[in-house]
C-alpha atoms as a PDB file:
ATOM      1  CA  MET A   1      -7.401  -3.325   7.305  1.00  0.00           C
ATOM      2  CA  ILE A   2      -3.700  -3.018   8.052  1.00  0.00           C
ATOM      3  CA  TYR A   3      -1.507  -0.346   6.505  1.00  0.00           C
ATOM      4  CA  VAL A   4       2.251  -0.832   6.225  1.00  0.00           C
ATOM      5  CA  ALA A   5       4.668   1.905   5.152  1.00  0.00           C
ATOM      6  CA  CYS A   6       7.983   0.642   3.851  1.00  0.00           C
ATOM      7  CA  ASP A   7      10.781   1.278   1.390  1.00  0.00           C
ATOM      8  CA  VAL A   8      11.963  -1.212  -1.216  1.00  0.00           C
ATOM      9  CA  VAL A   9      15.498  -2.308  -0.333  1.00  0.00           C
ATOM     10  CA  SER A  10      15.824  -5.369  -2.558  1.00  0.00           C
ATOM     11  CA  GLY A  11      13.998  -8.430  -3.775  1.00  0.00           C
ATOM     12  CA  THR A  12      10.453  -8.920  -4.971  1.00  0.00           C
ATOM     13  CA  ALA A  13       7.286  -8.445  -2.920  1.00  0.00           C
ATOM     14  CA  ARG A  14       5.329 -11.658  -2.439  1.00  0.00           C
ATOM     15  CA  VAL A  15       2.427 -13.049  -0.451  1.00  0.00           C
ATOM     16  CA  GLY A  16       3.769 -14.882   2.590  1.00  0.00           C
ATOM     17  CA  GLU A  17       0.505 -16.419   3.796  1.00  0.00           C
ATOM     18  CA  GLU A  18      -2.047 -17.069   1.073  1.00  0.00           C
ATOM     19  CA  GLU A  19      -4.917 -17.672   3.508  1.00  0.00           C
ATOM     20  CA  GLY A  20      -4.917 -14.066   4.699  1.00  0.00           C
ATOM     21  CA  LEU A  21      -3.834 -12.168   1.599  1.00  0.00           C
ATOM     22  CA  ALA A  22      -4.610 -12.647  -2.083  1.00  0.00           C
ATOM     23  CA  GLU A  23      -1.869 -10.468  -3.592  1.00  0.00           C
ATOM     24  CA  VAL A  24       0.638  -7.699  -2.956  1.00  0.00           C
ATOM     25  CA  ALA A  25       1.545  -4.746  -5.176  1.00  0.00           C
ATOM     26  CA  TRP A  26       3.840  -1.716  -5.017  1.00  0.00           C
ATOM     27  CA  CYS A  27       1.718   1.307  -5.969  1.00  0.00           C
ATOM     28  CA  ASP A  28       2.301   4.933  -6.778  1.00  0.00           C
ATOM     29  CA  ARG A  29      -0.468   7.406  -5.863  1.00  0.00           C
ATOM     30  CA  ALA A  30      -2.369   6.996  -9.144  1.00  0.00           C
ATOM     31  CA  THR A  31      -2.340   3.196  -8.956  1.00  0.00           C
ATOM     32  CA  LEU A  32      -3.339   3.251  -5.297  1.00  0.00           C
ATOM     33  CA  ALA A  33      -6.365   5.385  -6.181  1.00  0.00           C
ATOM     34  CA  GLU A  34      -7.415   2.711  -8.704  1.00  0.00           C
ATOM     35  CA  HIS A  35      -7.283  -0.006  -6.008  1.00  0.00           C
ATOM     36  CA  VAL A  36      -8.748   1.900  -3.039  1.00  0.00           C
ATOM     37  CA  LEU A  37     -12.033   3.521  -4.025  1.00  0.00           C
ATOM     38  CA  TYR A  38     -12.921   4.940  -0.614  1.00  0.00           C
ATOM     39  CA  PRO A  39     -11.303   7.537   1.687  1.00  0.00           C
ATOM     40  CA  LEU A  40      -8.298   6.290   3.651  1.00  0.00           C
ATOM     41  CA  PHE A  41      -7.924   6.609   7.432  1.00  0.00           C
ATOM     42  CA  GLY A  42      -6.880  10.231   8.091  1.00  0.00           C
ATOM     43  CA  PRO A  43      -3.348   9.606   9.436  1.00  0.00           C
ATOM     44  CA  VAL A  44      -2.662   7.182   6.568  1.00  0.00           C
ATOM     45  CA  GLN A  45      -3.735   9.785   3.992  1.00  0.00           C
ATOM     46  CA  GLU A  46      -1.545  12.389   5.707  1.00  0.00           C
ATOM     47  CA  HIS A  47       1.455  10.037   5.516  1.00  0.00           C
ATOM     48  CA  LEU A  48       0.838   9.375   1.819  1.00  0.00           C
ATOM     49  CA  ASP A  49       0.409  13.075   1.086  1.00  0.00           C
ATOM     50  CA  ALA A  50       3.743  13.824   2.759  1.00  0.00           C
ATOM     51  CA  ASN A  51       5.763  10.854   1.477  1.00  0.00           C
ATOM     52  CA  VAL A  52       4.410   9.345  -1.741  1.00  0.00           C
ATOM     53  CA  ARG A  53       4.384  10.960  -5.160  1.00  0.00           C
END
């Protein structure tokens, strides 16, 4: 699993390499919880708690 923190600057998110990734989505906290049904890696959860509403 790879986590990437980023800000939307412009454009539309898209899958660059279909062999390694099925889809991409921008998620708020509630939507993320619907997609990830298990605890996140501690430092990732701390980042989300501090930066994502």
